[in-house]
Amino acid sequence: MEPIVVLARKVISGEPGALDSFIELFRSKVYQYSYLNCGRKEDAEEVAQETLVKICEHLHELREPEHVKAWVFRIARNICLTRRRKNAFESCPRMSLEEIPGHWEDLLPLRATLPDQAAYHHELRRLLAQLIHHLPEHYRTVVILRDLEDLSVEQTAQILDLNPSVVKTRLHRARAMLRKGLERKHISVTS
């Protein structure tokens, strides 16, 4: 059983310290998701905080701990959408992946020994953040949930109220857009 599911079960059963561990685990994940959707650190912090509060308030409603990741990101998505409708987010052209905790280090590690390699990876990460931020929302959200949060197609579909085939199509198109954006900047990425 996945450790997140085990932790969710402990929280639901009221095990001491489980809620703190749960919040700590999801704090950076929700922040990363919010940052890439909002584009501004301050907005992402507010969305993440509001999401964590809402999770605590409604944790008793989680009926299927196996779907805890989808449940958490659905709450974060709804808060982002609500704030966007209220025009709370302003476009921010300057985004930095260094400010985003999470999987970016794994995707584009800075294991470079030469300064040129480190500069290349730094620029690539900065550019990817900008490209993701400028994707249309329906593509951006799929990329964040699938590639950064490592959610399954089914979990992503559940969060976004989509058919899994639509998630696959959007992910394919989003990745193609990201590749094209990198190619326009004459940057090649090997998998």
C-alpha atoms as a PDB file:
ATOM      1  CA  MET A   1       0.000   0.000   0.000  1.00  0.00           C
ATOM      2  CA  GLU A   2       1.265   3.463  -0.893  1.00  0.00           C
ATOM      3  CA  PRO A   3       2.736   5.417   2.084  1.00  0.00           C
ATOM      4  CA  ILE A   4       0.429   8.377   1.412  1.00  0.00           C
ATOM      5  CA  VAL A   5      -2.606   6.106   1.692  1.00  0.00           C
ATOM      6  CA  VAL A   6      -1.291   4.618   4.949  1.00  0.00           C
ATOM      7  CA  LEU A   7      -0.770   8.122   6.301  1.00  0.00           C
ATOM      8  CA  ALA A   8      -4.272   9.182   5.216  1.00  0.00           C
ATOM      9  CA  ARG A   9      -5.743   6.202   7.049  1.00  0.00           C
ATOM     10  CA  LYS A  10      -3.810   7.178  10.189  1.00  0.00           C
ATOM     11  CA  VAL A  11      -5.109  10.746   9.964  1.00  0.00           C
ATOM     12  CA  ILE A  12      -8.690   9.576   9.514  1.00  0.00           C
ATOM     13  CA  SER A  13      -8.384   7.253  12.497  1.00  0.00           C
ATOM     14  CA  GLY A  14      -7.039  10.136  14.600  1.00  0.00           C
ATOM     15  CA  GLU A  15      -3.557   8.777  15.252  1.00  0.00           C
ATOM     16  CA  PRO A  16      -1.483  11.376  17.154  1.00  0.00           C
ATOM     17  CA  GLY A  17       0.968  13.273  14.948  1.00  0.00           C
ATOM     18  CA  ALA A  18      -0.463  11.872  11.712  1.00  0.00           C
ATOM     19  CA  LEU A  19      -2.150  15.133  10.726  1.00  0.00           C
ATOM     20  CA  ASP A  20       1.094  17.087  11.142  1.00  0.00           C
ATOM     21  CA  SER A  21       2.921  14.552   8.966  1.00  0.00           C
ATOM     22  CA  PHE A  22       0.123  14.688   6.401  1.00  0.00           C
ATOM     23  CA  ILE A  23       0.209  18.474   6.188  1.00  0.00           C
ATOM     24  CA  GLU A  24       4.000  18.518   5.971  1.00  0.00           C
ATOM     25  CA  LEU A  25       3.909  15.967   3.157  1.00  0.00           C
ATOM     26  CA  PHE A  26       1.391  17.921   1.083  1.00  0.00           C
ATOM     27  CA  ARG A  27       2.591  21.456   1.864  1.00  0.00           C
ATOM     28  CA  SER A  28       5.265  21.501  -0.853  1.00  0.00           C
ATOM     29  CA  LYS A  29       3.163  19.518  -3.333  1.00  0.00           C
ATOM     30  CA  VAL A  30       0.234  21.928  -3.067  1.00  0.00           C
ATOM     31  CA  TYR A  31       2.564  24.931  -3.186  1.00  0.00           C
ATOM     32  CA  GLN A  32       4.264  23.628  -6.348  1.00  0.00           C
ATOM     33  CA  TYR A  33       0.917  23.017  -8.027  1.00  0.00           C
ATOM     34  CA  SER A  34      -0.354  26.460  -7.004  1.00  0.00           C
ATOM     35  CA  TYR A  35       2.834  28.253  -8.025  1.00  0.00           C
ATOM     36  CA  LEU A  36       2.802  26.831 -11.519  1.00  0.00           C
ATOM     37  CA  ASN A  37      -0.860  27.745 -11.883  1.00  0.00           C
ATOM     38  CA  CYS A  38      -0.697  31.195 -10.274  1.00  0.00           C
ATOM     39  CA  GLY A  39       2.710  32.353 -11.405  1.00  0.00           C
ATOM     40  CA  ARG A  40       3.366  34.353  -8.256  1.00  0.00           C
ATOM     41  CA  LYS A  41       4.916  33.164  -5.034  1.00  0.00           C
ATOM     42  CA  GLU A  42       2.542  35.161  -2.837  1.00  0.00           C
ATOM     43  CA  ASP A  43      -0.569  33.813  -4.564  1.00  0.00           C
ATOM     44  CA  ALA A  44       0.755  30.264  -4.407  1.00  0.00           C
ATOM     45  CA  GLU A  45       1.397  30.618  -0.682  1.00  0.00           C
ATOM     46  CA  GLU A  46      -2.153  31.851  -0.112  1.00  0.00           C
ATOM     47  CA  VAL A  47      -3.694  29.086  -2.218  1.00  0.00           C
ATOM     48  CA  ALA A  48      -1.558  26.442  -0.513  1.00  0.00           C
ATOM     49  CA  GLN A  49      -2.499  27.746   2.923  1.00  0.00           C
ATOM     50  CA  GLU A  50      -6.187  27.909   2.073  1.00  0.00           C
ATOM     51  CA  THR A  51      -6.021  24.398   0.601  1.00  0.00           C
ATOM     52  CA  LEU A  52      -4.360  22.955   3.702  1.00  0.00           C
ATOM     53  CA  VAL A  53      -6.933  24.616   5.964  1.00  0.00           C
ATOM     54  CA  LYS A  54      -9.776  23.252   3.830  1.00  0.00           C
ATOM     55  CA  ILE A  55      -8.208  19.785   3.902  1.00  0.00           C
ATOM     56  CA  CYS A  56      -8.083  19.873   7.700  1.00  0.00           C
ATOM     57  CA  GLU A  57     -11.679  21.062   7.892  1.00  0.00           C
ATOM     58  CA  HIS A  58     -12.978  18.374   5.536  1.00  0.00           C
ATOM     59  CA  LEU A  59     -10.701  15.433   6.232  1.00  0.00           C
ATOM     60  CA  HIS A  60     -13.573  13.580   7.832  1.00  0.00           C
ATOM     61  CA  GLU A  61     -15.257  13.580   4.389  1.00  0.00           C
ATOM     62  CA  LEU A  62     -12.470  11.552   2.776  1.00  0.00           C
ATOM     63  CA  ARG A  63     -14.159   8.198   2.245  1.00  0.00           C
ATOM     64  CA  GLU A  64     -11.499   6.511   0.132  1.00  0.00           C
ATOM     65  CA  PRO A  65      -7.944   7.058   1.395  1.00  0.00           C
ATOM     66  CA  GLU A  66      -6.662   5.390  -1.803  1.00  0.00           C
ATOM     67  CA  HIS A  67      -7.700   8.554  -3.629  1.00  0.00           C
ATOM     68  CA  VAL A  68      -6.174  11.032  -1.180  1.00  0.00           C
ATOM     69  CA  LYS A  69      -3.816  12.606  -3.737  1.00  0.00           C
ATOM     70  CA  ALA A  70      -6.640  13.224  -6.175  1.00  0.00           C
ATOM     71  CA  TRP A  71      -8.798  14.607  -3.363  1.00  0.00           C
ATOM     72  CA  VAL A  72      -6.096  17.050  -2.225  1.00  0.00           C
ATOM     73  CA  PHE A  73      -5.335  18.330  -5.723  1.00  0.00           C
ATOM     74  CA  ARG A  74      -9.033  18.652  -6.528  1.00  0.00           C
ATOM     75  CA  ILE A  75      -9.370  20.994  -3.532  1.00  0.00           C
ATOM     76  CA  ALA A  76      -6.291  22.965  -4.641  1.00  0.00           C
ATOM     77  CA  ARG A  77      -7.604  23.169  -8.197  1.00  0.00           C
ATOM     78  CA  ASN A  78     -10.997  24.447  -7.049  1.00  0.00           C
ATOM     79  CA  ILE A  79      -9.380  27.137  -4.906  1.00  0.00           C
ATOM     80  CA  CYS A  80      -7.147  28.188  -7.810  1.00  0.00           C
ATOM     81  CA  LEU A  81     -10.146  28.388 -10.135  1.00  0.00           C
ATOM     82  CA  THR A  82     -12.193  30.359  -7.611  1.00  0.00           C
ATOM     83  CA  ARG A  83      -9.384  32.854  -7.110  1.00  0.00           C
ATOM     84  CA  ARG A  84      -8.799  33.152 -10.841  1.00  0.00           C
ATOM     85  CA  ARG A  85     -12.482  33.923 -11.387  1.00  0.00           C
ATOM     86  CA  LYS A  86     -12.131  36.708  -8.869  1.00  0.00           C
ATOM     87  CA  ASN A  87      -9.107  37.979 -10.842  1.00  0.00           C
ATOM     88  CA  ALA A  88      -6.888  37.464  -7.832  1.00  0.00           C
ATOM     89  CA  PHE A  89      -3.901  36.329  -9.896  1.00  0.00           C
ATOM     90  CA  GLU A  90      -1.846  38.678 -11.982  1.00  0.00           C
ATOM     91  CA  SER A  91       0.347  37.471 -14.768  1.00  0.00           C
ATOM     92  CA  CYS A  92       3.932  37.184 -13.669  1.00  0.00           C
ATOM     93  CA  PRO A  93       6.529  36.721 -16.404  1.00  0.00           C
ATOM     94  CA  ARG A  94       9.360  35.903 -13.991  1.00  0.00           C
ATOM     95  CA  MET A  95       9.156  32.390 -12.638  1.00  0.00           C
ATOM     96  CA  SER A  96      11.942  30.391 -11.112  1.00  0.00           C
ATOM     97  CA  LEU A  97      11.974  26.654 -10.590  1.00  0.00           C
ATOM     98  CA  GLU A  98      14.418  27.096  -7.726  1.00  0.00           C
ATOM     99  CA  GLU A  99      11.511  28.448  -5.702  1.00  0.00           C
ATOM    100  CA  ILE A 100       9.409  25.365  -6.385  1.00  0.00           C
ATOM    101  CA  PRO A 101       9.992  22.430  -4.080  1.00  0.00           C
ATOM    102  CA  GLY A 102       9.358  18.982  -5.396  1.00  0.00           C
ATOM    103  CA  HIS A 103      10.214  16.888  -8.398  1.00  0.00           C
ATOM    104  CA  TRP A 104      12.069  19.498 -10.448  1.00  0.00           C
ATOM    105  CA  GLU A 105      15.365  18.480  -8.899  1.00  0.00           C
ATOM    106  CA  ASP A 106      14.706  14.921 -10.039  1.00  0.00           C
ATOM    107  CA  LEU A 107      13.618  15.916 -13.533  1.00  0.00           C
ATOM    108  CA  LEU A 108      16.467  18.305 -14.231  1.00  0.00           C
ATOM    109  CA  PRO A 109      19.178  17.682 -11.664  1.00  0.00           C
ATOM    110  CA  LEU A 110      22.025  20.108 -11.229  1.00  0.00           C
ATOM    111  CA  ARG A 111      24.689  17.428 -11.026  1.00  0.00           C
ATOM    112  CA  ALA A 112      26.902  19.371 -13.376  1.00  0.00           C
ATOM    113  CA  THR A 113      30.567  19.568 -12.610  1.00  0.00           C
ATOM    114  CA  LEU A 114      31.329  22.296 -15.097  1.00  0.00           C
ATOM    115  CA  PRO A 115      30.009  25.850 -14.740  1.00  0.00           C
ATOM    116  CA  ASP A 116      28.690  25.740 -18.315  1.00  0.00           C
ATOM    117  CA  GLN A 117      26.581  22.674 -17.522  1.00  0.00           C
ATOM    118  CA  ALA A 118      25.217  24.251 -14.336  1.00  0.00           C
ATOM    119  CA  ALA A 119      24.275  27.415 -16.255  1.00  0.00           C
ATOM    120  CA  TYR A 120      22.590  25.324 -18.955  1.00  0.00           C
ATOM    121  CA  HIS A 121      20.497  23.395 -16.409  1.00  0.00           C
ATOM    122  CA  HIS A 122      19.586  26.575 -14.555  1.00  0.00           C
ATOM    123  CA  GLU A 123      18.393  28.209 -17.775  1.00  0.00           C
ATOM    124  CA  LEU A 124      16.510  25.074 -18.831  1.00  0.00           C
ATOM    125  CA  ARG A 125      14.641  24.914 -15.524  1.00  0.00           C
ATOM    126  CA  ARG A 126      13.762  28.607 -15.690  1.00  0.00           C
ATOM    127  CA  LEU A 127      12.545  28.264 -19.252  1.00  0.00           C
ATOM    128  CA  LEU A 128      10.467  25.159 -18.482  1.00  0.00           C
ATOM    129  CA  ALA A 129       8.741  26.978 -15.634  1.00  0.00           C
ATOM    130  CA  GLN A 130       7.840  29.833 -17.958  1.00  0.00           C
ATOM    131  CA  LEU A 131       6.667  27.497 -20.690  1.00  0.00           C
ATOM    132  CA  ILE A 132       4.484  25.530 -18.269  1.00  0.00           C
ATOM    133  CA  HIS A 133       3.050  28.728 -16.820  1.00  0.00           C
ATOM    134  CA  HIS A 134       2.098  29.955 -20.303  1.00  0.00           C
ATOM    135  CA  LEU A 135       0.406  26.737 -21.398  1.00  0.00           C
ATOM    136  CA  PRO A 136      -3.367  27.004 -21.659  1.00  0.00           C
ATOM    137  CA  GLU A 137      -4.794  26.041 -18.272  1.00  0.00           C
ATOM    138  CA  HIS A 138      -6.288  22.734 -19.400  1.00  0.00           C
ATOM    139  CA  TYR A 139      -2.842  21.600 -20.605  1.00  0.00           C
ATOM    140  CA  ARG A 140      -0.875  23.158 -17.741  1.00  0.00           C
ATOM    141  CA  THR A 141      -2.906  21.400 -15.070  1.00  0.00           C
ATOM    142  CA  VAL A 142      -2.482  18.000 -16.722  1.00  0.00           C
ATOM    143  CA  VAL A 143       1.303  18.455 -17.005  1.00  0.00           C
ATOM    144  CA  ILE A 144       1.606  19.503 -13.382  1.00  0.00           C
ATOM    145  CA  LEU A 145      -0.475  16.632 -12.060  1.00  0.00           C
ATOM    146  CA  ARG A 146       1.021  13.925 -14.279  1.00  0.00           C
ATOM    147  CA  ASP A 147       4.668  14.947 -14.717  1.00  0.00           C
ATOM    148  CA  LEU A 148       5.389  16.875 -11.548  1.00  0.00           C
ATOM    149  CA  GLU A 149       3.081  15.255  -9.021  1.00  0.00           C
ATOM    150  CA  ASP A 150       3.357  11.836 -10.614  1.00  0.00           C
ATOM    151  CA  LEU A 151      -0.375  11.142 -10.408  1.00  0.00           C
ATOM    152  CA  SER A 152      -1.837   8.422 -12.586  1.00  0.00           C
ATOM    153  CA  VAL A 153      -3.964   9.141 -15.636  1.00  0.00           C
ATOM    154  CA  GLU A 154      -6.997   7.940 -13.690  1.00  0.00           C
ATOM    155  CA  GLN A 155      -6.259  10.179 -10.690  1.00  0.00           C
ATOM    156  CA  THR A 156      -5.701  13.174 -12.965  1.00  0.00           C
ATOM    157  CA  ALA A 157      -8.947  12.423 -14.789  1.00  0.00           C
ATOM    158  CA  GLN A 158     -10.784  12.232 -11.478  1.00  0.00           C
ATOM    159  CA  ILE A 159      -9.413  15.572 -10.283  1.00  0.00           C
ATOM    160  CA  LEU A 160     -10.255  17.318 -13.527  1.00  0.00           C
ATOM    161  CA  ASP A 161     -13.580  15.565 -14.159  1.00  0.00           C
ATOM    162  CA  LEU A 162     -12.316  14.233 -17.476  1.00  0.00           C
ATOM    163  CA  ASN A 163     -12.240  10.967 -19.338  1.00  0.00           C
ATOM    164  CA  PRO A 164      -8.769   9.313 -19.054  1.00  0.00           C
ATOM    165  CA  SER A 165      -8.370   9.421 -22.843  1.00  0.00           C
ATOM    166  CA  VAL A 166      -8.804  13.207 -22.728  1.00  0.00           C
ATOM    167  CA  VAL A 167      -6.065  13.407 -20.070  1.00  0.00           C
ATOM    168  CA  LYS A 168      -3.726  11.380 -22.283  1.00  0.00           C
ATOM    169  CA  THR A 169      -4.469  13.585 -25.294  1.00  0.00           C
ATOM    170  CA  ARG A 170      -3.945  16.804 -23.346  1.00  0.00           C
ATOM    171  CA  LEU A 171      -0.722  15.507 -21.829  1.00  0.00           C
ATOM    172  CA  HIS A 172       0.587  14.532 -25.257  1.00  0.00           C
ATOM    173  CA  ARG A 173      -0.286  17.951 -26.685  1.00  0.00           C
ATOM    174  CA  ALA A 174       1.147  19.802 -23.677  1.00  0.00           C
ATOM    175  CA  ARG A 175       4.436  17.924 -23.899  1.00  0.00           C
ATOM    176  CA  ALA A 176       4.573  18.691 -27.624  1.00  0.00           C
ATOM    177  CA  MET A 177       4.034  22.393 -26.857  1.00  0.00           C
ATOM    178  CA  LEU A 178       6.795  22.319 -24.263  1.00  0.00           C
ATOM    179  CA  ARG A 179       9.169  20.584 -26.685  1.00  0.00           C
ATOM    180  CA  LYS A 180       8.313  23.123 -29.387  1.00  0.00           C
ATOM    181  CA  GLY A 181       8.902  25.984 -26.938  1.00  0.00           C
ATOM    182  CA  LEU A 182      12.295  24.580 -26.034  1.00  0.00           C
ATOM    183  CA  GLU A 183      13.149  24.076 -29.714  1.00  0.00           C
ATOM    184  CA  ARG A 184      12.261  27.723 -30.443  1.00  0.00           C
ATOM    185  CA  LYS A 185      14.840  28.649 -27.840  1.00  0.00           C
ATOM    186  CA  HIS A 186      17.280  26.197 -29.451  1.00  0.00           C
ATOM    187  CA  ILE A 187      17.439  24.006 -26.375  1.00  0.00           C
ATOM    188  CA  SER A 188      17.412  20.264 -26.742  1.00  0.00           C
ATOM    189  CA  VAL A 189      16.437  17.952 -23.928  1.00  0.00           C
ATOM    190  CA  THR A 190      17.224  14.259 -23.968  1.00  0.00           C
ATOM    191  CA  SER A 191      15.005  11.879 -22.076  1.00  0.00           C
END
